Amino acid sequence: MPIELVLLSEVAPSDEAIARAIAETHPEGQLVSFEDGVVRHAVDAAGASLLTVFESQPIADPTSAVAAIAHPPAAFGLWTDMTVPRSEPRRGRALAEQIAAAVGGTVTERV
């Protein structure tokens, strides 16, 4: 079972932002996009899975959103699910944090 993270932000992570984060943390890695960008997958040079980023969704009910995460920020408008393989907890989390920094967001765990 993967580690479930959430990126909370006002700006959705673009393919370009994700690709830059991959290049900064894994220069030989790449971004693979599925379903017209609904699912984006980061892999390292060997093809090992690092992080999956799903399409961002607007927050319809902030109370429910806050109840589903470990450390909610004060304000956020978008929810982006991310998953990290259990085999790559450090590298996957670091990449998620890099993407969050690129869009001015926060990464937290789902509860």
PDB file of N, CA and C in Angstrom:
ATOM      1  N   MET A   1       0.849  -1.176   0.000  1.00  0.00           N
ATOM      2  CA  MET A   1       0.000   0.000   0.000  1.00  0.00           C
ATOM      3  C   MET A   1       0.894   1.239   0.000  1.00  0.00           C
ATOM      4  N   PRO A   2       0.608   2.228  -0.834  1.00  0.00           N
ATOM      5  CA  PRO A   2       1.454   3.424  -0.891  1.00  0.00           C
ATOM      6  C   PRO A   2       1.219   4.343   0.307  1.00  0.00           C
ATOM      7  N   ILE A   3       2.146   5.236   0.493  1.00  0.00           N
ATOM      8  CA  ILE A   3       2.010   6.298   1.487  1.00  0.00           C
ATOM      9  C   ILE A   3       1.183   7.401   0.834  1.00  0.00           C
ATOM     10  N   GLU A   4       0.113   7.811   1.486  1.00  0.00           N
ATOM     11  CA  GLU A   4      -0.785   8.815   0.918  1.00  0.00           C
ATOM     12  C   GLU A   4      -0.463  10.197   1.473  1.00  0.00           C
ATOM     13  N   LEU A   5      -0.178  11.109   0.570  1.00  0.00           N
ATOM     14  CA  LEU A   5       0.096  12.500   0.919  1.00  0.00           C
ATOM     15  C   LEU A   5      -0.915  13.395   0.226  1.00  0.00           C
ATOM     16  N   VAL A   6      -1.002  14.623   0.709  1.00  0.00           N
ATOM     17  CA  VAL A   6      -1.862  15.626   0.086  1.00  0.00           C
ATOM     18  C   VAL A   6      -1.059  16.916  -0.054  1.00  0.00           C
ATOM     19  N   LEU A   7      -1.101  17.492  -1.235  1.00  0.00           N
ATOM     20  CA  LEU A   7      -0.542  18.821  -1.469  1.00  0.00           C
ATOM     21  C   LEU A   7      -1.695  19.807  -1.384  1.00  0.00           C
ATOM     22  N   LEU A   8      -1.591  20.756  -0.479  1.00  0.00           N
ATOM     23  CA  LEU A   8      -2.603  21.798  -0.314  1.00  0.00           C
ATOM     24  C   LEU A   8      -1.995  23.102  -0.799  1.00  0.00           C
ATOM     25  N   SER A   9      -2.667  23.735  -1.736  1.00  0.00           N
ATOM     26  CA  SER A   9      -2.097  24.934  -2.356  1.00  0.00           C
ATOM     27  C   SER A   9      -3.195  25.791  -2.963  1.00  0.00           C
ATOM     28  N   GLU A  10      -2.802  26.947  -3.433  1.00  0.00           N
ATOM     29  CA  GLU A  10      -3.694  27.822  -4.188  1.00  0.00           C
ATOM     30  C   GLU A  10      -3.467  27.654  -5.683  1.00  0.00           C
ATOM     31  N   VAL A  11      -2.333  27.037  -6.047  1.00  0.00           N
ATOM     32  CA  VAL A  11      -1.937  26.851  -7.442  1.00  0.00           C
ATOM     33  C   VAL A  11      -1.716  25.364  -7.690  1.00  0.00           C
ATOM     34  N   ALA A  12      -2.280  24.841  -8.763  1.00  0.00           N
ATOM     35  CA  ALA A  12      -2.089  23.426  -9.109  1.00  0.00           C
ATOM     36  C   ALA A  12      -0.678  23.214  -9.657  1.00  0.00           C
ATOM     37  N   PRO A  13      -0.046  22.084  -9.314  1.00  0.00           N
ATOM     38  CA  PRO A  13       1.278  21.809  -9.873  1.00  0.00           C
ATOM     39  C   PRO A  13       1.174  21.467 -11.363  1.00  0.00           C
ATOM     40  N   SER A  14       1.844  22.240 -12.180  1.00  0.00           N
ATOM     41  CA  SER A  14       1.840  22.001 -13.623  1.00  0.00           C
ATOM     42  C   SER A  14       2.837  20.899 -13.968  1.00  0.00           C
ATOM     43  N   ASP A  15       2.716  20.376 -15.179  1.00  0.00           N
ATOM     44  CA  ASP A  15       3.705  19.403 -15.650  1.00  0.00           C
ATOM     45  C   ASP A  15       5.104  20.006 -15.585  1.00  0.00           C
ATOM     46  N   GLU A  16       5.223  21.275 -15.937  1.00  0.00           N
ATOM     47  CA  GLU A  16       6.522  21.947 -15.929  1.00  0.00           C
ATOM     48  C   GLU A  16       7.097  22.019 -14.523  1.00  0.00           C
ATOM     49  N   ALA A  17       6.280  22.366 -13.528  1.00  0.00           N
ATOM     50  CA  ALA A  17       6.755  22.447 -12.146  1.00  0.00           C
ATOM     51  C   ALA A  17       7.192  21.079 -11.642  1.00  0.00           C
ATOM     52  N   ILE A  18       6.424  20.054 -11.972  1.00  0.00           N
ATOM     53  CA  ILE A  18       6.780  18.697 -11.550  1.00  0.00           C
ATOM     54  C   ILE A  18       8.064  18.254 -12.241  1.00  0.00           C
ATOM     55  N   ALA A  19       8.176  18.508 -13.536  1.00  0.00           N
ATOM     56  CA  ALA A  19       9.378  18.117 -14.283  1.00  0.00           C
ATOM     57  C   ALA A  19      10.615  18.828 -13.742  1.00  0.00           C
ATOM     58  N   ARG A  20      10.487  20.116 -13.382  1.00  0.00           N
ATOM     59  CA  ARG A  20      11.622  20.847 -12.803  1.00  0.00           C
ATOM     60  C   ARG A  20      12.030  20.241 -11.468  1.00  0.00           C
ATOM     61  N   ALA A  21      11.045  19.888 -10.642  1.00  0.00           N
ATOM     62  CA  ALA A  21      11.349  19.279  -9.344  1.00  0.00           C
ATOM     63  C   ALA A  21      12.055  17.941  -9.530  1.00  0.00           C
ATOM     64  N   ILE A  22      11.608  17.157 -10.493  1.00  0.00           N
ATOM     65  CA  ILE A  22      12.276  15.885 -10.779  1.00  0.00           C
ATOM     66  C   ILE A  22      13.714  16.154 -11.211  1.00  0.00           C
ATOM     67  N   ALA A  23      13.913  17.108 -12.116  1.00  0.00           N
ATOM     68  CA  ALA A  23      15.257  17.414 -12.623  1.00  0.00           C
ATOM     69  C   ALA A  23      16.188  17.881 -11.507  1.00  0.00           C
ATOM     70  N   GLU A  24      15.646  18.622 -10.539  1.00  0.00           N
ATOM     71  CA  GLU A  24      16.463  19.116  -9.433  1.00  0.00           C
ATOM     72  C   GLU A  24      16.849  18.010  -8.462  1.00  0.00           C
ATOM     73  N   THR A  25      15.968  17.060  -8.246  1.00  0.00           N
ATOM     74  CA  THR A  25      16.235  16.003  -7.268  1.00  0.00           C
ATOM     75  C   THR A  25      16.755  14.717  -7.898  1.00  0.00           C
ATOM     76  N   HIS A  26      16.406  14.463  -9.139  1.00  0.00           N
ATOM     77  CA  HIS A  26      16.798  13.240  -9.864  1.00  0.00           C
ATOM     78  C   HIS A  26      17.073  13.614 -11.315  1.00  0.00           C
ATOM     79  N   PRO A  27      18.259  14.160 -11.607  1.00  0.00           N
ATOM     80  CA  PRO A  27      18.547  14.694 -12.944  1.00  0.00           C
ATOM     81  C   PRO A  27      18.296  13.730 -14.099  1.00  0.00           C
ATOM     82  N   GLU A  28      18.382  12.451 -13.861  1.00  0.00           N
ATOM     83  CA  GLU A  28      18.148  11.471 -14.924  1.00  0.00           C
ATOM     84  C   GLU A  28      16.710  10.949 -14.922  1.00  0.00           C
ATOM     85  N   GLY A  29      15.899  11.427 -13.979  1.00  0.00           N
ATOM     86  CA  GLY A  29      14.517  10.962 -13.876  1.00  0.00           C
ATOM     87  C   GLY A  29      13.632  11.580 -14.940  1.00  0.00           C
ATOM     88  N   GLN A  30      12.370  11.152 -14.929  1.00  0.00           N
ATOM     89  CA  GLN A  30      11.445  11.712 -15.910  1.00  0.00           C
ATOM     90  C   GLN A  30      10.011  11.696 -15.395  1.00  0.00           C
ATOM     91  N   LEU A  31       9.183  12.478 -16.054  1.00  0.00           N
ATOM     92  CA  LEU A  31       7.758  12.562 -15.758  1.00  0.00           C
ATOM     93  C   LEU A  31       7.004  11.790 -16.829  1.00  0.00           C
ATOM     94  N   VAL A  32       6.129  10.896 -16.383  1.00  0.00           N
ATOM     95  CA  VAL A  32       5.286  10.125 -17.293  1.00  0.00           C
ATOM     96  C   VAL A  32       3.844  10.528 -16.992  1.00  0.00           C
ATOM     97  N   SER A  33       3.115  10.932 -18.026  1.00  0.00           N
ATOM     98  CA  SER A  33       1.753  11.422 -17.855  1.00  0.00           C
ATOM     99  C   SER A  33       0.750  10.429 -18.437  1.00  0.00           C
ATOM    100  N   PHE A  34      -0.339  10.209 -17.705  1.00  0.00           N
ATOM    101  CA  PHE A  34      -1.412   9.310 -18.135  1.00  0.00           C
ATOM    102  C   PHE A  34      -2.740  10.062 -18.108  1.00  0.00           C
ATOM    103  N   GLU A  35      -3.711   9.563 -18.869  1.00  0.00           N
ATOM    104  CA  GLU A  35      -5.075  10.106 -18.812  1.00  0.00           C
ATOM    105  C   GLU A  35      -5.090  11.612 -19.071  1.00  0.00           C
ATOM    106  N   ASP A  36      -4.340  12.063 -20.068  1.00  0.00           N
ATOM    107  CA  ASP A  36      -4.277  13.489 -20.408  1.00  0.00           C
ATOM    108  C   ASP A  36      -3.858  14.361 -19.229  1.00  0.00           C
ATOM    109  N   GLY A  37      -2.913  13.882 -18.433  1.00  0.00           N
ATOM    110  CA  GLY A  37      -2.382  14.660 -17.323  1.00  0.00           C
ATOM    111  C   GLY A  37      -3.118  14.507 -16.016  1.00  0.00           C
ATOM    112  N   VAL A  38      -4.143  13.684 -15.974  1.00  0.00           N
ATOM    113  CA  VAL A  38      -4.885  13.465 -14.731  1.00  0.00           C
ATOM    114  C   VAL A  38      -4.010  12.725 -13.716  1.00  0.00           C
ATOM    115  N   VAL A  39      -3.152  11.833 -14.207  1.00  0.00           N
ATOM    116  CA  VAL A  39      -2.221  11.078 -13.370  1.00  0.00           C
ATOM    117  C   VAL A  39      -0.820  11.313 -13.921  1.00  0.00           C
ATOM    118  N   ARG A  40       0.070  11.791 -13.049  1.00  0.00           N
ATOM    119  CA  ARG A  40       1.460  12.026 -13.457  1.00  0.00           C
ATOM    120  C   ARG A  40       2.367  11.244 -12.528  1.00  0.00           C
ATOM    121  N   HIS A  41       3.353  10.618 -13.120  1.00  0.00           N
ATOM    122  CA  HIS A  41       4.185   9.673 -12.387  1.00  0.00           C
ATOM    123  C   HIS A  41       5.649  10.053 -12.548  1.00  0.00           C
ATOM    124  N   ALA A  42       6.367  10.179 -11.442  1.00  0.00           N
ATOM    125  CA  ALA A  42       7.794  10.497 -11.461  1.00  0.00           C
ATOM    126  C   ALA A  42       8.589   9.219 -11.247  1.00  0.00           C
ATOM    127  N   VAL A  43       9.576   9.013 -12.107  1.00  0.00           N
ATOM    128  CA  VAL A  43      10.461   7.848 -11.984  1.00  0.00           C
ATOM    129  C   VAL A  43      11.909   8.323 -12.000  1.00  0.00           C
ATOM    130  N   ASP A  44      12.796   7.515 -11.389  1.00  0.00           N
ATOM    131  CA  ASP A  44      14.218   7.851 -11.416  1.00  0.00           C
ATOM    132  C   ASP A  44      14.864   7.300 -12.679  1.00  0.00           C
ATOM    133  N   ALA A  45      16.171   7.418 -12.785  1.00  0.00           N
ATOM    134  CA  ALA A  45      16.893   7.004 -13.994  1.00  0.00           C
ATOM    135  C   ALA A  45      16.724   5.524 -14.298  1.00  0.00           C
ATOM    136  N   ALA A  46      16.558   4.712 -13.260  1.00  0.00           N
ATOM    137  CA  ALA A  46      16.393   3.268 -13.444  1.00  0.00           C
ATOM    138  C   ALA A  46      14.940   2.878 -13.691  1.00  0.00           C
ATOM    139  N   GLY A  47      14.041   3.855 -13.694  1.00  0.00           N
ATOM    140  CA  GLY A  47      12.623   3.571 -13.899  1.00  0.00           C
ATOM    141  C   GLY A  47      11.877   3.243 -12.622  1.00  0.00           C
ATOM    142  N   ALA A  48      12.554   3.397 -11.466  1.00  0.00           N
ATOM    143  CA  ALA A  48      11.894   3.130 -10.184  1.00  0.00           C
ATOM    144  C   ALA A  48      10.901   4.248  -9.878  1.00  0.00           C
ATOM    145  N   SER A  49       9.738   3.862  -9.422  1.00  0.00           N
ATOM    146  CA  SER A  49       8.682   4.805  -9.084  1.00  0.00           C
ATOM    147  C   SER A  49       9.073   5.630  -7.863  1.00  0.00           C
ATOM    148  N   LEU A  50       8.877   6.948  -7.959  1.00  0.00           N
ATOM    149  CA  LEU A  50       9.171   7.853  -6.853  1.00  0.00           C
ATOM    150  C   LEU A  50       7.918   8.495  -6.272  1.00  0.00           C
ATOM    151  N   LEU A  51       7.013   8.929  -7.148  1.00  0.00           N
ATOM    152  CA  LEU A  51       5.857   9.698  -6.707  1.00  0.00           C
ATOM    153  C   LEU A  51       4.807   9.712  -7.806  1.00  0.00           C
ATOM    154  N   THR A  52       3.541   9.607  -7.400  1.00  0.00           N
ATOM    155  CA  THR A  52       2.430   9.778  -8.331  1.00  0.00           C
ATOM    156  C   THR A  52       1.645  11.005  -7.885  1.00  0.00           C
ATOM    157  N   VAL A  53       1.344  11.882  -8.834  1.00  0.00           N
ATOM    158  CA  VAL A  53       0.615  13.122  -8.563  1.00  0.00           C
ATOM    159  C   VAL A  53      -0.686  13.081  -9.354  1.00  0.00           C
ATOM    160  N   PHE A  54      -1.799  13.230  -8.656  1.00  0.00           N
ATOM    161  CA  PHE A  54      -3.106  13.193  -9.294  1.00  0.00           C
ATOM    162  C   PHE A  54      -3.605  14.613  -9.559  1.00  0.00           C
ATOM    163  N   GLU A  55      -4.619  14.728 -10.378  1.00  0.00           N
ATOM    164  CA  GLU A  55      -5.172  16.030 -10.746  1.00  0.00           C
ATOM    165  C   GLU A  55      -5.677  16.784  -9.517  1.00  0.00           C
ATOM    166  N   SER A  56      -5.374  18.059  -9.446  1.00  0.00           N
ATOM    167  CA  SER A  56      -5.818  18.904  -8.335  1.00  0.00           C
ATOM    168  C   SER A  56      -7.327  19.109  -8.394  1.00  0.00           C
ATOM    169  N   GLN A  57      -7.920  19.210  -7.208  1.00  0.00           N
ATOM    170  CA  GLN A  57      -9.361  19.428  -7.091  1.00  0.00           C
ATOM    171  C   GLN A  57      -9.621  20.628  -6.189  1.00  0.00           C
ATOM    172  N   PRO A  58     -10.611  21.461  -6.524  1.00  0.00           N
ATOM    173  CA  PRO A  58     -10.951  22.565  -5.626  1.00  0.00           C
ATOM    174  C   PRO A  58     -11.577  22.024  -4.341  1.00  0.00           C
ATOM    175  N   ILE A  59     -11.348  22.721  -3.257  1.00  0.00           N
ATOM    176  CA  ILE A  59     -11.901  22.327  -1.962  1.00  0.00           C
ATOM    177  C   ILE A  59     -13.343  22.823  -1.881  1.00  0.00           C
ATOM    178  N   ALA A  60     -14.271  21.885  -1.838  1.00  0.00           N
ATOM    179  CA  ALA A  60     -15.693  22.239  -1.742  1.00  0.00           C
ATOM    180  C   ALA A  60     -16.118  22.402  -0.287  1.00  0.00           C
ATOM    181  N   ASP A  61     -15.563  21.559   0.593  1.00  0.00           N
ATOM    182  CA  ASP A  61     -15.936  21.577   2.005  1.00  0.00           C
ATOM    183  C   ASP A  61     -14.664  21.595   2.850  1.00  0.00           C
ATOM    184  N   PRO A  62     -14.182  22.772   3.245  1.00  0.00           N
ATOM    185  CA  PRO A  62     -12.934  22.864   4.008  1.00  0.00           C
ATOM    186  C   PRO A  62     -12.948  22.073   5.313  1.00  0.00           C
ATOM    187  N   THR A  63     -14.097  21.973   5.970  1.00  0.00           N
ATOM    188  CA  THR A  63     -14.181  21.234   7.229  1.00  0.00           C
ATOM    189  C   THR A  63     -13.864  19.763   7.018  1.00  0.00           C
ATOM    190  N   SER A  64     -14.433  19.158   5.995  1.00  0.00           N
ATOM    191  CA  SER A  64     -14.146  17.752   5.686  1.00  0.00           C
ATOM    192  C   SER A  64     -12.693  17.573   5.271  1.00  0.00           C
ATOM    193  N   ALA A  65     -12.171  18.516   4.512  1.00  0.00           N
ATOM    194  CA  ALA A  65     -10.779  18.433   4.064  1.00  0.00           C
ATOM    195  C   ALA A  65      -9.831  18.469   5.255  1.00  0.00           C
ATOM    196  N   VAL A  66     -10.046  19.386   6.172  1.00  0.00           N
ATOM    197  CA  VAL A  66      -9.188  19.513   7.351  1.00  0.00           C
ATOM    198  C   VAL A  66      -9.241  18.245   8.194  1.00  0.00           C
ATOM    199  N   ALA A  67     -10.407  17.614   8.293  1.00  0.00           N
ATOM    200  CA  ALA A  67     -10.551  16.390   9.085  1.00  0.00           C
ATOM    201  C   ALA A  67      -9.802  15.208   8.475  1.00  0.00           C
ATOM    202  N   ALA A  68      -9.485  15.271   7.188  1.00  0.00           N
ATOM    203  CA  ALA A  68      -8.855  14.143   6.501  1.00  0.00           C
ATOM    204  C   ALA A  68      -7.334  14.217   6.452  1.00  0.00           C
ATOM    205  N   ILE A  69      -6.755  15.286   6.997  1.00  0.00           N
ATOM    206  CA  ILE A  69      -5.303  15.442   6.909  1.00  0.00           C
ATOM    207  C   ILE A  69      -4.680  15.679   8.280  1.00  0.00           C
ATOM    208  N   ALA A  70      -3.391  15.360   8.381  1.00  0.00           N
ATOM    209  CA  ALA A  70      -2.706  15.413   9.665  1.00  0.00           C
ATOM    210  C   ALA A  70      -2.399  16.837  10.132  1.00  0.00           C
ATOM    211  N   HIS A  71      -1.857  17.679   9.273  1.00  0.00           N
ATOM    212  CA  HIS A  71      -1.419  19.017   9.682  1.00  0.00           C
ATOM    213  C   HIS A  71      -1.895  20.056   8.671  1.00  0.00           C
ATOM    214  N   PRO A  72      -3.142  20.477   8.768  1.00  0.00           N
ATOM    215  CA  PRO A  72      -3.666  21.416   7.764  1.00  0.00           C
ATOM    216  C   PRO A  72      -3.062  22.813   7.909  1.00  0.00           C
ATOM    217  N   PRO A  73      -2.793  23.472   6.777  1.00  0.00           N
ATOM    218  CA  PRO A  73      -2.368  24.874   6.842  1.00  0.00           C
ATOM    219  C   PRO A  73      -3.578  25.763   7.125  1.00  0.00           C
ATOM    220  N   ALA A  74      -3.324  27.024   7.360  1.00  0.00           N
ATOM    221  CA  ALA A  74      -4.412  27.957   7.679  1.00  0.00           C
ATOM    222  C   ALA A  74      -5.378  28.144   6.516  1.00  0.00           C
ATOM    223  N   ALA A  75      -4.863  28.181   5.299  1.00  0.00           N
ATOM    224  CA  ALA A  75      -5.727  28.414   4.135  1.00  0.00           C
ATOM    225  C   ALA A  75      -5.203  27.649   2.928  1.00  0.00           C
ATOM    226  N   PHE A  76      -6.126  27.172   2.116  1.00  0.00           N
ATOM    227  CA  PHE A  76      -5.772  26.477   0.874  1.00  0.00           C
ATOM    228  C   PHE A  76      -7.023  26.358   0.031  1.00  0.00           C
ATOM    229  N   GLY A  77      -6.847  26.331  -1.285  1.00  0.00           N
ATOM    230  CA  GLY A  77      -7.992  26.243  -2.185  1.00  0.00           C
ATOM    231  C   GLY A  77      -8.033  24.979  -3.013  1.00  0.00           C
ATOM    232  N   LEU A  78      -6.862  24.327  -3.153  1.00  0.00           N
ATOM    233  CA  LEU A  78      -6.784  23.114  -3.973  1.00  0.00           C
ATOM    234  C   LEU A  78      -6.218  21.948  -3.176  1.00  0.00           C
ATOM    235  N   TRP A  79      -6.702  20.778  -3.507  1.00  0.00           N
ATOM    236  CA  TRP A  79      -6.288  19.511  -2.902  1.00  0.00           C
ATOM    237  C   TRP A  79      -5.709  18.654  -4.021  1.00  0.00           C
ATOM    238  N   THR A  80      -4.459  18.208  -3.857  1.00  0.00           N
ATOM    239  CA  THR A  80      -3.820  17.352  -4.847  1.00  0.00           C
ATOM    240  C   THR A  80      -3.337  16.086  -4.158  1.00  0.00           C
ATOM    241  N   ASP A  81      -3.947  14.950  -4.495  1.00  0.00           N
ATOM    242  CA  ASP A  81      -3.495  13.677  -3.936  1.00  0.00           C
ATOM    243  C   ASP A  81      -2.151  13.297  -4.528  1.00  0.00           C
ATOM    244  N   MET A  82      -1.292  12.737  -3.671  1.00  0.00           N
ATOM    245  CA  MET A  82       0.008  12.222  -4.091  1.00  0.00           C
ATOM    246  C   MET A  82       0.216  10.885  -3.397  1.00  0.00           C
ATOM    247  N   THR A  83       0.866   9.959  -4.066  1.00  0.00           N
ATOM    248  CA  THR A  83       1.215   8.698  -3.420  1.00  0.00           C
ATOM    249  C   THR A  83       2.692   8.420  -3.622  1.00  0.00           C
ATOM    250  N   VAL A  84       3.286   7.845  -2.588  1.00  0.00           N
ATOM    251  CA  VAL A  84       4.702   7.478  -2.584  1.00  0.00           C
ATOM    252  C   VAL A  84       4.773   5.975  -2.348  1.00  0.00           C
ATOM    253  N   PRO A  85       5.548   5.245  -3.147  1.00  0.00           N
ATOM    254  CA  PRO A  85       5.686   3.814  -2.896  1.00  0.00           C
ATOM    255  C   PRO A  85       6.349   3.572  -1.532  1.00  0.00           C
ATOM    256  N   ARG A  86       5.927   2.556  -0.830  1.00  0.00           N
ATOM    257  CA  ARG A  86       6.529   2.221   0.468  1.00  0.00           C
ATOM    258  C   ARG A  86       8.033   1.988   0.341  1.00  0.00           C
ATOM    259  N   SER A  87       8.476   1.579  -0.834  1.00  0.00           N
ATOM    260  CA  SER A  87       9.902   1.307  -1.047  1.00  0.00           C
ATOM    261  C   SER A  87      10.734   2.582  -1.185  1.00  0.00           C
ATOM    262  N   GLU A  88      10.105   3.735  -1.342  1.00  0.00           N
ATOM    263  CA  GLU A  88      10.816   5.003  -1.573  1.00  0.00           C
ATOM    264  C   GLU A  88      10.307   6.134  -0.677  1.00  0.00           C
ATOM    265  N   PRO A  89      10.163   5.910   0.632  1.00  0.00           N
ATOM    266  CA  PRO A  89       9.545   6.960   1.447  1.00  0.00           C
ATOM    267  C   PRO A  89      10.339   8.263   1.501  1.00  0.00           C
ATOM    268  N   ARG A  90      11.647   8.196   1.585  1.00  0.00           N
ATOM    269  CA  ARG A  90      12.440   9.429   1.692  1.00  0.00           C
ATOM    270  C   ARG A  90      12.516  10.178   0.365  1.00  0.00           C
ATOM    271  N   ARG A  91      12.864   9.467  -0.697  1.00  0.00           N
ATOM    272  CA  ARG A  91      13.012  10.133  -1.996  1.00  0.00           C
ATOM    273  C   ARG A  91      11.670  10.648  -2.509  1.00  0.00           C
ATOM    274  N   GLY A  92      10.605   9.868  -2.315  1.00  0.00           N
ATOM    275  CA  GLY A  92       9.279  10.299  -2.755  1.00  0.00           C
ATOM    276  C   GLY A  92       8.784  11.508  -1.986  1.00  0.00           C
ATOM    277  N   ARG A  93       8.972  11.496  -0.673  1.00  0.00           N
ATOM    278  CA  ARG A  93       8.541  12.637   0.154  1.00  0.00           C
ATOM    279  C   ARG A  93       9.347  13.889  -0.198  1.00  0.00           C
ATOM    280  N   ALA A  94      10.650  13.724  -0.414  1.00  0.00           N
ATOM    281  CA  ALA A  94      11.485  14.869  -0.780  1.00  0.00           C
ATOM    282  C   ALA A  94      11.018  15.487  -2.098  1.00  0.00           C
ATOM    283  N   LEU A  95      10.651  14.652  -3.048  1.00  0.00           N
ATOM    284  CA  LEU A  95      10.154  15.153  -4.329  1.00  0.00           C
ATOM    285  C   LEU A  95       8.812  15.867  -4.142  1.00  0.00           C
ATOM    286  N   ALA A  96       7.936  15.310  -3.321  1.00  0.00           N
ATOM    287  CA  ALA A  96       6.648  15.959  -3.031  1.00  0.00           C
ATOM    288  C   ALA A  96       6.872  17.337  -2.407  1.00  0.00           C
ATOM    289  N   GLU A  97       7.813  17.433  -1.481  1.00  0.00           N
ATOM    290  CA  GLU A  97       8.122  18.711  -0.835  1.00  0.00           C
ATOM    291  C   GLU A  97       8.683  19.713  -1.845  1.00  0.00           C
ATOM    292  N   GLN A  98       9.494  19.229  -2.779  1.00  0.00           N
ATOM    293  CA  GLN A  98      10.063  20.097  -3.817  1.00  0.00           C
ATOM    294  C   GLN A  98       8.946  20.669  -4.706  1.00  0.00           C
ATOM    295  N   ILE A  99       7.995  19.833  -5.056  1.00  0.00           N
ATOM    296  CA  ILE A  99       6.856  20.285  -5.869  1.00  0.00           C
ATOM    297  C   ILE A  99       6.021  21.300  -5.088  1.00  0.00           C
ATOM    298  N   ALA A 100       5.777  21.013  -3.804  1.00  0.00           N
ATOM    299  CA  ALA A 100       5.008  21.943  -2.971  1.00  0.00           C
ATOM    300  C   ALA A 100       5.690  23.304  -2.902  1.00  0.00           C
ATOM    301  N   ALA A 101       6.995  23.312  -2.732  1.00  0.00           N
ATOM    302  CA  ALA A 101       7.734  24.576  -2.674  1.00  0.00           C
ATOM    303  C   ALA A 101       7.591  25.351  -3.984  1.00  0.00           C
ATOM    304  N   ALA A 102       7.574  24.636  -5.090  1.00  0.00           N
ATOM    305  CA  ALA A 102       7.466  25.280  -6.408  1.00  0.00           C
ATOM    306  C   ALA A 102       6.132  25.989  -6.606  1.00  0.00           C
ATOM    307  N   VAL A 103       5.078  25.496  -5.950  1.00  0.00           N
ATOM    308  CA  VAL A 103       3.749  26.106  -6.121  1.00  0.00           C
ATOM    309  C   VAL A 103       3.281  26.856  -4.865  1.00  0.00           C
ATOM    310  N   GLY A 104       4.168  26.985  -3.877  1.00  0.00           N
ATOM    311  CA  GLY A 104       3.805  27.701  -2.658  1.00  0.00           C
ATOM    312  C   GLY A 104       2.817  26.949  -1.797  1.00  0.00           C
ATOM    313  N   GLY A 105       2.875  25.622  -1.836  1.00  0.00           N
ATOM    314  CA  GLY A 105       1.939  24.795  -1.079  1.00  0.00           C
ATOM    315  C   GLY A 105       2.583  24.074   0.086  1.00  0.00           C
ATOM    316  N   THR A 106       1.794  23.197   0.697  1.00  0.00           N
ATOM    317  CA  THR A 106       2.210  22.405   1.843  1.00  0.00           C
ATOM    318  C   THR A 106       1.852  20.950   1.591  1.00  0.00           C
ATOM    319  N   VAL A 107       2.764  20.042   1.952  1.00  0.00           N
ATOM    320  CA  VAL A 107       2.482  18.613   1.857  1.00  0.00           C
ATOM    321  C   VAL A 107       2.218  18.085   3.260  1.00  0.00           C
ATOM    322  N   THR A 108       1.174  17.291   3.401  1.00  0.00           N
ATOM    323  CA  THR A 108       0.861  16.670   4.680  1.00  0.00           C
ATOM    324  C   THR A 108       0.343  15.256   4.439  1.00  0.00           C
ATOM    325  N   GLU A 109       0.247  14.485   5.513  1.00  0.00           N
ATOM    326  CA  GLU A 109      -0.226  13.105   5.424  1.00  0.00           C
ATOM    327  C   GLU A 109      -1.740  13.059   5.543  1.00  0.00           C
ATOM    328  N   ARG A 110      -2.313  12.070   4.880  1.00  0.00           N
ATOM    329  CA  ARG A 110      -3.745  11.800   5.075  1.00  0.00           C
ATOM    330  C   ARG A 110      -3.890  10.986   6.345  1.00  0.00           C
ATOM    331  N   VAL A 111      -5.012  11.147   7.030  1.00  0.00           N
ATOM    332  CA  VAL A 111      -5.273  10.362   8.246  1.00  0.00           C
ATOM    333  C   VAL A 111      -6.410   9.395   8.021  1.00  0.00           C
TER     334      VAL A 111
END
